[in-house]
């Protein structure tokens, strides 16, 4: 049955596949769809890619309609094997160069232990960094630091470079796993960025 669904999906033209997903993605008009509850058959990959700068491409061309990108983002899910767009009846794989979202705005409320950081993505998702939406920091090119914030499920947003410098300006040194680390606080949680001995490289 799953193989038949995959064959049928692959038999559609790219425009037909995109139109079908677009119709299903109208769930996104009311916010992210409950993709974690859906378990349709996997129907193969479509030629869709999310670039590192947050731009969505279809068949090599940028998707120029922000509303359409927002709708597709509402049915996006990260499975163990791949990123997928999910509807109640089908599941198709897409390529993601880095993170599926890009955090383009940051808000700061309070300071010290009361500090709260909020982020908005390029598709309008708004989250507050904390227990449900942690920050993580990975080593990037030239031993730099790449910050991410979790948006929902296993979908993360890369925090754009300009905001990273703002995060550094808000950072402080605190104990983490028995060592001094440089990091940033939000909603009462300390998110370690680099060991204190390494912060000269930031």
N, C-alpha and C. Protein backbone atom coordinates (compact mmCIF):
# COMPACT_ATOMS: atom_id res chain seq x y z
N UNK A 1 0.83 -1.21 0.00
CA UNK A 1 0.00 0.00 0.00
C UNK A 1 0.86 1.25 0.00
N UNK A 2 1.91 1.28 0.89
CA UNK A 2 2.81 2.43 0.95
C UNK A 2 3.53 2.63 -0.37
N UNK A 3 3.93 1.49 -1.00
CA UNK A 3 4.63 1.57 -2.27
C UNK A 3 3.72 2.14 -3.35
N UNK A 4 2.42 1.74 -3.32
CA UNK A 4 1.47 2.27 -4.29
C UNK A 4 1.32 3.77 -4.12
N UNK A 5 1.28 4.24 -2.85
CA UNK A 5 1.16 5.67 -2.59
C UNK A 5 2.38 6.41 -3.09
N UNK A 6 3.56 5.82 -2.88
CA UNK A 6 4.78 6.45 -3.34
C UNK A 6 4.81 6.55 -4.86
N UNK A 7 4.37 5.48 -5.53
CA UNK A 7 4.35 5.48 -6.98
C UNK A 7 3.39 6.54 -7.50
N UNK A 8 2.22 6.63 -6.86
CA UNK A 8 1.22 7.61 -7.27
C UNK A 8 1.74 9.03 -7.08
N UNK A 9 2.42 9.27 -5.94
CA UNK A 9 2.94 10.61 -5.67
C UNK A 9 4.01 10.98 -6.69
N UNK A 10 4.89 10.04 -7.00
CA UNK A 10 5.97 10.33 -7.93
C UNK A 10 5.46 10.50 -9.35
N UNK A 11 4.26 9.98 -9.64
CA UNK A 11 3.70 10.10 -10.98
C UNK A 11 3.12 11.49 -11.23
N UNK A 12 2.87 12.23 -10.17
CA UNK A 12 2.34 13.58 -10.34
C UNK A 12 3.43 14.52 -10.86
N UNK A 13 3.00 15.54 -11.56
CA UNK A 13 3.95 16.57 -11.97
C UNK A 13 4.36 17.38 -10.74
N UNK A 14 5.51 18.07 -10.80
CA UNK A 14 5.91 18.91 -9.67
C UNK A 14 4.84 19.92 -9.28
N UNK A 15 4.18 20.53 -10.27
CA UNK A 15 3.14 21.51 -9.96
C UNK A 15 1.95 20.87 -9.26
N UNK A 16 1.59 19.64 -9.67
CA UNK A 16 0.49 18.95 -9.01
C UNK A 16 0.85 18.61 -7.57
N UNK A 17 2.09 18.17 -7.36
CA UNK A 17 2.53 17.85 -6.00
C UNK A 17 2.50 19.09 -5.12
N UNK A 18 2.99 20.22 -5.66
CA UNK A 18 3.01 21.46 -4.90
C UNK A 18 1.60 21.93 -4.59
N UNK A 19 0.70 21.81 -5.56
CA UNK A 19 -0.68 22.24 -5.35
C UNK A 19 -1.36 21.40 -4.28
N UNK A 20 -1.10 20.09 -4.30
CA UNK A 20 -1.70 19.22 -3.29
C UNK A 20 -1.23 19.55 -1.89
N UNK A 21 0.07 19.81 -1.75
CA UNK A 21 0.60 20.19 -0.44
C UNK A 21 0.06 21.55 -0.01
N UNK A 22 -0.07 22.46 -0.97
CA UNK A 22 -0.58 23.78 -0.65
C UNK A 22 -2.00 23.71 -0.12
N UNK A 23 -2.82 22.87 -0.73
CA UNK A 23 -4.20 22.70 -0.25
C UNK A 23 -4.21 22.16 1.18
N UNK A 24 -3.38 21.14 1.43
CA UNK A 24 -3.34 20.54 2.76
C UNK A 24 -2.77 21.51 3.78
N UNK A 25 -1.83 22.36 3.36
CA UNK A 25 -1.17 23.27 4.27
C UNK A 25 -2.08 24.38 4.76
N UNK A 26 -3.28 24.47 4.22
CA UNK A 26 -4.21 25.49 4.71
C UNK A 26 -4.56 25.29 6.17
N UNK A 27 -4.21 24.12 6.74
CA UNK A 27 -4.30 23.97 8.18
C UNK A 27 -3.50 25.07 8.86
N UNK A 28 -2.39 25.49 8.21
CA UNK A 28 -1.48 26.46 8.80
C UNK A 28 -2.10 27.83 8.98
N UNK A 29 -3.26 28.08 8.35
CA UNK A 29 -3.91 29.37 8.54
C UNK A 29 -4.32 29.57 9.99
N UNK A 30 -4.43 28.46 10.72
CA UNK A 30 -4.79 28.54 12.13
C UNK A 30 -3.60 28.18 13.02
N UNK A 31 -2.41 28.21 12.47
CA UNK A 31 -1.22 27.86 13.23
C UNK A 31 -0.68 26.52 12.78
N UNK A 32 0.43 26.06 13.38
CA UNK A 32 1.02 24.78 12.98
C UNK A 32 0.02 23.64 13.09
N UNK A 33 0.04 22.77 12.09
CA UNK A 33 -0.84 21.60 12.09
C UNK A 33 -0.34 20.56 13.09
N UNK A 34 -1.21 19.66 13.55
CA UNK A 34 -0.81 18.62 14.51
C UNK A 34 -0.06 17.48 13.82
N UNK A 35 1.08 17.81 13.20
CA UNK A 35 1.81 16.82 12.39
C UNK A 35 2.33 15.66 13.22
N UNK A 36 2.51 15.88 14.53
CA UNK A 36 3.00 14.80 15.40
C UNK A 36 1.96 13.70 15.57
N UNK A 37 0.71 13.98 15.21
CA UNK A 37 -0.36 12.99 15.35
C UNK A 37 -0.60 12.22 14.06
N UNK A 38 0.02 12.65 12.96
CA UNK A 38 -0.25 12.05 11.67
C UNK A 38 0.83 11.03 11.30
N UNK A 39 0.41 9.93 10.71
CA UNK A 39 1.35 8.88 10.31
C UNK A 39 1.00 8.35 8.92
N UNK A 40 1.02 9.23 7.92
CA UNK A 40 0.70 8.79 6.56
C UNK A 40 1.89 8.07 5.93
N UNK A 41 1.70 7.39 4.81
CA UNK A 41 2.83 6.73 4.14
C UNK A 41 3.83 7.74 3.59
N UNK A 42 5.11 7.35 3.60
CA UNK A 42 6.16 8.18 3.02
C UNK A 42 6.11 8.05 1.51
N UNK A 43 6.04 9.19 0.82
CA UNK A 43 5.83 9.18 -0.63
C UNK A 43 7.04 9.66 -1.41
N UNK A 44 8.23 9.60 -0.81
CA UNK A 44 9.43 10.01 -1.52
C UNK A 44 9.73 11.49 -1.31
N UNK A 45 10.76 11.98 -2.01
CA UNK A 45 11.18 13.37 -1.87
C UNK A 45 10.60 14.23 -2.98
N UNK A 46 10.42 15.52 -2.68
CA UNK A 46 10.11 16.50 -3.70
C UNK A 46 11.29 17.47 -3.75
N UNK A 47 11.39 18.20 -4.85
CA UNK A 47 12.52 19.10 -5.06
C UNK A 47 12.27 20.43 -4.33
N UNK A 48 12.30 20.34 -3.00
CA UNK A 48 12.14 21.53 -2.17
C UNK A 48 13.31 21.59 -1.19
N UNK A 49 13.84 22.80 -1.00
CA UNK A 49 15.02 22.97 -0.14
C UNK A 49 14.88 24.25 0.67
N UNK A 50 15.31 24.17 1.93
CA UNK A 50 15.40 25.36 2.77
C UNK A 50 16.87 25.70 2.91
N UNK A 51 17.27 26.86 2.39
CA UNK A 51 18.66 27.28 2.44
C UNK A 51 19.02 27.75 3.84
N UNK A 52 20.32 27.90 4.09
CA UNK A 52 20.80 28.31 5.42
C UNK A 52 20.31 29.69 5.82
N UNK A 53 19.97 30.53 4.83
CA UNK A 53 19.48 31.87 5.14
C UNK A 53 17.96 31.92 5.32
N UNK A 54 17.32 30.74 5.36
CA UNK A 54 15.89 30.66 5.58
C UNK A 54 15.04 30.73 4.33
N UNK A 55 15.65 30.88 3.15
CA UNK A 55 14.89 30.94 1.90
C UNK A 55 14.44 29.54 1.48
N UNK A 56 13.17 29.43 1.11
CA UNK A 56 12.62 28.17 0.61
C UNK A 56 12.72 28.17 -0.92
N UNK A 57 13.18 27.04 -1.47
CA UNK A 57 13.30 26.87 -2.92
C UNK A 57 12.44 25.70 -3.37
N UNK A 58 11.86 25.84 -4.56
CA UNK A 58 11.12 24.74 -5.18
C UNK A 58 11.59 24.61 -6.61
N UNK A 59 12.09 23.42 -6.95
CA UNK A 59 12.64 23.16 -8.28
C UNK A 59 13.71 24.19 -8.64
N UNK A 60 14.53 24.57 -7.66
CA UNK A 60 15.65 25.46 -7.90
C UNK A 60 15.34 26.94 -7.84
N UNK A 61 14.07 27.31 -7.72
CA UNK A 61 13.69 28.72 -7.70
C UNK A 61 13.13 29.09 -6.33
N UNK A 62 13.43 30.30 -5.84
CA UNK A 62 12.88 30.73 -4.55
C UNK A 62 11.35 30.79 -4.61
N UNK A 63 10.71 30.36 -3.54
CA UNK A 63 9.26 30.51 -3.44
C UNK A 63 8.99 31.95 -3.03
N UNK A 64 8.42 32.72 -3.95
CA UNK A 64 8.31 34.16 -3.75
C UNK A 64 7.12 34.61 -2.92
N UNK A 65 6.23 33.70 -2.57
CA UNK A 65 5.03 34.08 -1.81
C UNK A 65 5.23 33.76 -0.34
N UNK A 66 5.44 34.77 0.50
CA UNK A 66 5.65 34.51 1.94
C UNK A 66 4.51 33.72 2.57
N UNK A 67 3.28 33.96 2.14
CA UNK A 67 2.15 33.24 2.72
C UNK A 67 2.23 31.75 2.43
N UNK A 68 2.73 31.39 1.23
CA UNK A 68 2.87 29.99 0.88
C UNK A 68 3.98 29.33 1.70
N UNK A 69 5.09 30.04 1.87
CA UNK A 69 6.17 29.52 2.72
C UNK A 69 5.67 29.29 4.14
N UNK A 70 4.90 30.23 4.66
CA UNK A 70 4.37 30.09 6.01
C UNK A 70 3.45 28.88 6.12
N UNK A 71 2.63 28.66 5.09
CA UNK A 71 1.75 27.49 5.10
C UNK A 71 2.56 26.20 5.10
N UNK A 72 3.59 26.12 4.24
CA UNK A 72 4.40 24.91 4.21
C UNK A 72 5.12 24.70 5.54
N UNK A 73 5.58 25.78 6.15
CA UNK A 73 6.29 25.64 7.43
C UNK A 73 5.38 25.08 8.51
N UNK A 74 4.07 25.27 8.36
CA UNK A 74 3.12 24.80 9.36
C UNK A 74 2.92 23.28 9.31
N UNK A 75 3.34 22.63 8.21
CA UNK A 75 3.22 21.17 8.12
C UNK A 75 4.60 20.51 8.07
N UNK A 76 5.61 21.22 8.52
CA UNK A 76 6.98 20.69 8.53
C UNK A 76 7.22 19.90 9.81
N UNK A 77 7.94 18.80 9.67
CA UNK A 77 8.28 17.95 10.83
C UNK A 77 9.68 17.39 10.63
N UNK A 78 10.38 17.15 11.72
CA UNK A 78 11.70 16.49 11.67
C UNK A 78 11.54 15.07 12.16
N UNK A 79 11.70 14.11 11.25
CA UNK A 79 11.72 12.70 11.60
C UNK A 79 13.17 12.27 11.80
N UNK A 80 13.41 11.10 12.40
CA UNK A 80 14.80 10.67 12.61
C UNK A 80 15.62 10.63 11.33
N UNK A 81 14.99 10.29 10.20
CA UNK A 81 15.73 10.12 8.95
C UNK A 81 15.84 11.40 8.13
N UNK A 82 14.87 12.33 8.27
CA UNK A 82 14.81 13.44 7.33
C UNK A 82 13.80 14.48 7.81
N UNK A 83 13.84 15.63 7.13
CA UNK A 83 12.78 16.62 7.27
C UNK A 83 11.67 16.26 6.29
N UNK A 84 10.42 16.41 6.73
CA UNK A 84 9.29 16.05 5.88
C UNK A 84 8.19 17.10 6.00
N UNK A 85 7.41 17.22 4.91
CA UNK A 85 6.14 17.92 4.94
C UNK A 85 5.06 16.86 5.07
N UNK A 86 4.16 17.05 6.02
CA UNK A 86 3.21 16.00 6.39
C UNK A 86 1.78 16.51 6.26
N UNK A 87 0.94 15.72 5.63
CA UNK A 87 -0.50 15.95 5.62
C UNK A 87 -1.15 14.68 6.16
N UNK A 88 -2.46 14.67 6.37
CA UNK A 88 -3.08 13.44 6.86
C UNK A 88 -2.95 12.25 5.92
N UNK A 89 -2.65 12.52 4.62
CA UNK A 89 -2.64 11.42 3.65
C UNK A 89 -1.29 11.14 3.02
N UNK A 90 -0.30 12.03 3.18
CA UNK A 90 1.01 11.78 2.59
C UNK A 90 2.11 12.49 3.37
N UNK A 91 3.32 12.00 3.13
CA UNK A 91 4.50 12.54 3.80
C UNK A 91 5.61 12.58 2.75
N UNK A 92 6.19 13.77 2.52
CA UNK A 92 7.23 13.89 1.49
C UNK A 92 8.47 14.52 2.10
N UNK A 93 9.63 14.06 1.68
CA UNK A 93 10.89 14.57 2.20
C UNK A 93 11.35 15.82 1.48
N UNK A 94 12.01 16.72 2.23
CA UNK A 94 12.61 17.91 1.65
C UNK A 94 14.03 18.04 2.20
N UNK A 95 14.85 18.92 1.57
CA UNK A 95 16.22 19.12 2.02
C UNK A 95 16.32 20.40 2.84
N UNK A 96 17.11 20.34 3.90
CA UNK A 96 17.34 21.51 4.76
C UNK A 96 18.85 21.67 4.91
N UNK A 97 19.39 22.81 4.49
CA UNK A 97 20.83 23.02 4.50
C UNK A 97 21.39 23.13 5.92
N UNK A 98 20.66 23.78 6.81
CA UNK A 98 21.13 23.96 8.19
C UNK A 98 19.96 23.74 9.12
N UNK A 99 19.31 24.82 9.55
CA UNK A 99 18.10 24.72 10.36
C UNK A 99 16.92 25.15 9.48
N UNK A 100 15.72 24.63 9.75
CA UNK A 100 14.58 24.98 8.90
C UNK A 100 14.09 26.41 9.08
N UNK A 101 14.42 27.03 10.22
CA UNK A 101 13.97 28.39 10.47
C UNK A 101 15.16 29.31 10.74
N UNK A 102 14.92 30.60 10.56
CA UNK A 102 15.92 31.62 10.87
C UNK A 102 15.29 32.61 11.83
N UNK A 103 15.91 32.81 13.00
CA UNK A 103 15.43 33.80 13.96
C UNK A 103 15.93 35.17 13.51
N UNK A 104 14.99 36.05 13.19
CA UNK A 104 15.35 37.34 12.59
C UNK A 104 15.15 38.52 13.54
N UNK A 105 14.44 38.30 14.64
CA UNK A 105 14.25 39.36 15.63
C UNK A 105 14.39 38.79 17.03
N UNK A 106 14.90 39.62 17.95
CA UNK A 106 15.03 39.21 19.34
C UNK A 106 14.53 40.33 20.24
N UNK A 107 13.79 39.95 21.28
CA UNK A 107 13.34 40.90 22.28
C UNK A 107 13.92 40.55 23.63
N UNK A 108 14.15 41.55 24.47
CA UNK A 108 14.72 41.34 25.80
C UNK A 108 13.85 42.05 26.82
N UNK A 109 13.45 41.29 27.84
CA UNK A 109 12.71 41.87 28.96
C UNK A 109 13.43 41.53 30.25
N UNK A 110 13.50 42.50 31.18
CA UNK A 110 14.15 42.27 32.46
C UNK A 110 15.65 42.19 32.31
N UNK A 111 16.30 41.86 33.40
CA UNK A 111 17.75 41.70 33.39
C UNK A 111 18.16 40.76 34.51
N UNK A 112 19.41 40.33 34.46
CA UNK A 112 19.91 39.39 35.46
C UNK A 112 19.11 38.10 35.45
N UNK A 113 18.76 37.60 36.64
CA UNK A 113 18.03 36.34 36.76
C UNK A 113 16.62 36.43 36.20
N UNK A 114 16.09 37.65 36.06
CA UNK A 114 14.73 37.85 35.55
C UNK A 114 14.70 38.04 34.03
N UNK A 115 15.82 37.98 33.40
CA UNK A 115 15.89 38.25 31.96
C UNK A 115 15.12 37.21 31.17
N UNK A 116 14.39 37.67 30.15
CA UNK A 116 13.64 36.79 29.26
C UNK A 116 13.91 37.21 27.83
N UNK A 117 14.30 36.23 27.00
CA UNK A 117 14.63 36.49 25.60
C UNK A 117 13.55 35.88 24.72
N UNK A 118 13.04 36.66 23.79
CA UNK A 118 12.05 36.16 22.85
C UNK A 118 12.58 36.30 21.43
N UNK A 119 12.14 35.41 20.55
CA UNK A 119 12.61 35.40 19.18
C UNK A 119 11.43 35.26 18.22
N UNK A 120 11.59 35.86 17.03
CA UNK A 120 10.61 35.70 15.96
C UNK A 120 11.34 35.18 14.73
N UNK A 121 10.76 34.17 14.08
CA UNK A 121 11.39 33.57 12.91
C UNK A 121 10.94 34.28 11.63
N UNK A 122 11.57 33.90 10.53
CA UNK A 122 11.25 34.51 9.24
C UNK A 122 9.85 34.17 8.76
N UNK A 123 9.21 33.18 9.37
CA UNK A 123 7.83 32.83 9.00
C UNK A 123 6.83 33.23 10.08
N UNK A 124 7.29 34.01 11.06
CA UNK A 124 6.36 34.57 12.03
C UNK A 124 6.18 33.80 13.32
N UNK A 125 6.86 32.67 13.50
CA UNK A 125 6.77 31.96 14.77
C UNK A 125 7.42 32.80 15.87
N UNK A 126 6.77 32.88 17.03
CA UNK A 126 7.32 33.63 18.16
C UNK A 126 7.49 32.69 19.34
N UNK A 127 8.70 32.66 19.91
CA UNK A 127 8.98 31.79 21.05
C UNK A 127 9.79 32.56 22.08
N UNK A 128 9.66 32.13 23.33
CA UNK A 128 10.48 32.68 24.41
C UNK A 128 11.47 31.61 24.84
N UNK A 129 12.75 31.93 24.83
CA UNK A 129 13.77 30.96 25.22
C UNK A 129 13.57 30.55 26.67
N UNK A 130 13.59 29.24 26.89
CA UNK A 130 13.37 28.70 28.23
C UNK A 130 13.37 27.19 28.17
N UNK A 131 12.67 26.57 29.11
CA UNK A 131 12.68 25.11 29.19
C UNK A 131 12.09 24.46 27.94
N UNK A 132 11.00 25.01 27.39
CA UNK A 132 10.37 24.43 26.22
C UNK A 132 11.05 24.84 24.92
N UNK A 133 11.73 25.95 24.96
CA UNK A 133 12.40 26.48 23.76
C UNK A 133 13.85 26.84 24.11
N UNK A 134 14.67 25.80 24.33
CA UNK A 134 16.04 26.07 24.76
C UNK A 134 16.90 26.69 23.67
N UNK A 135 17.95 27.34 24.10
CA UNK A 135 19.01 27.80 23.21
C UNK A 135 20.11 26.76 23.20
N UNK A 136 20.75 26.57 22.07
CA UNK A 136 21.95 25.74 22.01
C UNK A 136 22.97 26.47 21.16
N UNK A 137 24.24 26.20 21.43
CA UNK A 137 25.33 26.88 20.73
C UNK A 137 26.28 25.83 20.19
N UNK A 138 26.51 25.85 18.89
CA UNK A 138 27.39 24.88 18.24
C UNK A 138 28.60 25.59 17.65
N UNK A 139 29.64 24.83 17.45
CA UNK A 139 30.84 25.38 16.83
C UNK A 139 30.61 25.52 15.33
N UNK A 140 30.85 26.73 14.83
CA UNK A 140 30.66 27.00 13.41
C UNK A 140 31.98 27.13 12.68
N UNK A 141 31.96 27.72 11.49
CA UNK A 141 33.20 27.89 10.71
C UNK A 141 34.23 28.71 11.48
N UNK A 142 35.49 28.40 11.26
CA UNK A 142 36.61 29.11 11.90
C UNK A 142 36.47 29.13 13.41
N UNK A 143 35.93 28.04 13.96
CA UNK A 143 35.81 27.89 15.41
C UNK A 143 34.88 28.94 16.02
N UNK A 144 33.98 29.48 15.21
CA UNK A 144 33.01 30.43 15.73
C UNK A 144 31.86 29.72 16.42
N UNK A 145 30.85 30.49 16.81
CA UNK A 145 29.71 29.94 17.54
C UNK A 145 28.44 30.21 16.74
N UNK A 146 27.61 29.17 16.61
CA UNK A 146 26.33 29.30 15.92
C UNK A 146 25.21 29.04 16.93
N UNK A 147 24.36 30.04 17.18
CA UNK A 147 23.27 29.87 18.15
C UNK A 147 21.98 29.40 17.48
N UNK A 148 21.25 28.55 18.19
CA UNK A 148 19.96 28.07 17.71
C UNK A 148 18.95 28.14 18.85
N UNK A 149 17.67 28.31 18.50
CA UNK A 149 16.59 28.22 19.47
C UNK A 149 15.56 27.25 18.93
N UNK A 150 15.05 26.39 19.82
CA UNK A 150 14.06 25.41 19.37
C UNK A 150 12.70 26.08 19.21
N UNK A 151 12.08 25.83 18.07
CA UNK A 151 10.78 26.44 17.77
C UNK A 151 9.65 25.52 18.20
N UNK A 152 9.66 24.28 17.70
CA UNK A 152 8.67 23.28 18.12
C UNK A 152 9.17 21.91 17.69
N UNK A 153 8.77 20.89 18.45
CA UNK A 153 9.25 19.55 18.15
C UNK A 153 10.75 19.53 18.06
N UNK A 154 11.28 18.97 16.96
CA UNK A 154 12.72 18.98 16.73
C UNK A 154 13.09 19.98 15.65
N UNK A 155 12.30 21.02 15.51
CA UNK A 155 12.57 22.07 14.54
C UNK A 155 13.21 23.25 15.25
N UNK A 156 14.40 23.64 14.76
CA UNK A 156 15.18 24.70 15.38
C UNK A 156 15.32 25.88 14.42
N UNK A 157 15.58 27.03 14.99
CA UNK A 157 15.88 28.23 14.21
C UNK A 157 17.32 28.64 14.45
N UNK A 158 18.05 28.88 13.38
CA UNK A 158 19.37 29.48 13.49
C UNK A 158 19.18 30.96 13.80
N UNK A 159 19.84 31.44 14.84
CA UNK A 159 19.76 32.86 15.19
C UNK A 159 20.70 33.63 14.29
N UNK A 160 20.17 34.60 13.54
CA UNK A 160 21.00 35.30 12.56
C UNK A 160 22.19 35.98 13.25
N UNK A 161 23.23 36.17 12.47
CA UNK A 161 24.52 36.59 13.02
C UNK A 161 24.45 37.90 13.81
N UNK A 162 23.70 38.86 13.31
CA UNK A 162 23.61 40.14 14.00
C UNK A 162 23.03 39.97 15.41
N UNK A 163 22.07 39.05 15.56
CA UNK A 163 21.48 38.81 16.88
C UNK A 163 22.44 38.07 17.80
N UNK A 164 23.34 37.27 17.20
CA UNK A 164 24.32 36.57 18.03
C UNK A 164 25.18 37.56 18.81
N UNK A 165 25.57 38.65 18.17
CA UNK A 165 26.38 39.65 18.87
C UNK A 165 25.58 40.28 20.01
N UNK A 166 24.27 40.44 19.82
CA UNK A 166 23.43 40.94 20.91
C UNK A 166 23.39 39.94 22.06
N UNK A 167 23.34 38.65 21.74
CA UNK A 167 23.36 37.62 22.78
C UNK A 167 24.66 37.67 23.58
N UNK A 168 25.76 37.84 22.87
CA UNK A 168 27.05 37.92 23.55
C UNK A 168 27.07 39.10 24.51
N UNK A 169 26.51 40.23 24.08
CA UNK A 169 26.48 41.41 24.93
C UNK A 169 25.66 41.20 26.19
N UNK A 170 24.69 40.27 26.13
CA UNK A 170 23.85 39.97 27.29
C UNK A 170 24.42 38.86 28.15
N UNK A 171 25.53 38.27 27.73
CA UNK A 171 26.07 37.11 28.40
C UNK A 171 26.81 37.41 29.69
N UNK A 172 27.06 36.34 30.43
CA UNK A 172 27.77 36.42 31.71
C UNK A 172 28.43 35.08 31.97
N UNK A 173 29.23 35.02 32.99
CA UNK A 173 29.92 33.78 33.36
C UNK A 173 29.20 33.16 34.55
N UNK A 174 28.96 31.86 34.47
CA UNK A 174 28.30 31.14 35.55
C UNK A 174 28.82 29.70 35.56
N UNK A 175 28.52 29.01 36.64
CA UNK A 175 28.95 27.61 36.77
C UNK A 175 28.05 26.70 35.95
N UNK A 176 28.67 25.74 35.30
CA UNK A 176 27.94 24.75 34.51
C UNK A 176 28.73 23.46 34.51
N UNK A 177 28.13 22.40 35.08
CA UNK A 177 28.77 21.08 35.16
C UNK A 177 30.16 21.18 35.76
N UNK A 178 30.28 21.97 36.82
CA UNK A 178 31.53 22.04 37.57
C UNK A 178 32.59 22.94 36.97
N UNK A 179 32.25 23.68 35.90
CA UNK A 179 33.21 24.58 35.28
C UNK A 179 32.57 25.95 35.10
N UNK A 180 33.41 26.96 34.90
CA UNK A 180 32.92 28.29 34.58
C UNK A 180 32.68 28.39 33.07
N UNK A 181 31.46 28.80 32.72
CA UNK A 181 31.10 28.94 31.33
C UNK A 181 30.58 30.34 31.07
N UNK A 182 30.78 30.81 29.85
CA UNK A 182 30.16 32.04 29.39
C UNK A 182 28.85 31.65 28.71
N UNK A 183 27.76 32.30 29.05
CA UNK A 183 26.47 31.97 28.47
C UNK A 183 25.48 33.08 28.68
N UNK A 184 24.22 32.75 28.44
CA UNK A 184 23.17 33.76 28.53
C UNK A 184 21.97 33.15 29.26
N UNK A 185 21.23 33.99 29.98
CA UNK A 185 20.07 33.52 30.74
C UNK A 185 18.77 33.94 30.06
N UNK A 186 17.77 33.08 30.23
CA UNK A 186 16.41 33.42 29.81
C UNK A 186 15.44 32.56 30.61
N UNK A 187 14.41 33.20 31.14
CA UNK A 187 13.36 32.50 31.89
C UNK A 187 13.94 31.65 33.01
N UNK A 188 14.99 32.15 33.66
CA UNK A 188 15.57 31.47 34.81
C UNK A 188 16.52 30.34 34.48
N UNK A 189 16.85 30.15 33.20
CA UNK A 189 17.75 29.06 32.79
C UNK A 189 19.02 29.65 32.19
N UNK A 190 20.16 29.08 32.58
CA UNK A 190 21.44 29.49 32.03
C UNK A 190 21.79 28.59 30.86
N UNK A 191 22.01 29.19 29.70
CA UNK A 191 22.36 28.43 28.50
C UNK A 191 23.83 28.66 28.19
N UNK A 192 24.68 27.64 28.43
CA UNK A 192 26.12 27.81 28.24
C UNK A 192 26.49 27.94 26.77
N UNK A 193 27.41 28.86 26.52
CA UNK A 193 27.84 29.14 25.15
C UNK A 193 29.24 28.58 24.89
N UNK A 194 30.19 29.00 25.70
CA UNK A 194 31.57 28.51 25.61
C UNK A 194 32.18 28.51 27.00
N UNK A 195 33.18 27.67 27.20
CA UNK A 195 33.90 27.71 28.47
C UNK A 195 34.50 29.11 28.66
N UNK A 196 34.52 29.55 29.90
CA UNK A 196 35.00 30.90 30.18
C UNK A 196 36.41 31.11 29.66
N UNK A 197 37.21 30.07 29.68
CA UNK A 197 38.60 30.18 29.21
C UNK A 197 38.70 30.39 27.71
N UNK A 198 37.59 30.20 26.99
CA UNK A 198 37.60 30.29 25.52
C UNK A 198 36.92 31.56 25.00
N UNK A 199 36.35 32.38 25.88
CA UNK A 199 35.51 33.46 25.38
C UNK A 199 36.31 34.53 24.62
N UNK A 200 37.62 34.53 24.73
CA UNK A 200 38.40 35.51 23.96
C UNK A 200 38.23 35.29 22.46
N UNK A 201 37.79 34.07 22.08
CA UNK A 201 37.62 33.79 20.66
C UNK A 201 36.27 34.16 20.11
N UNK A 202 35.38 34.68 20.97
CA UNK A 202 34.03 35.02 20.50
C UNK A 202 34.07 36.34 19.72
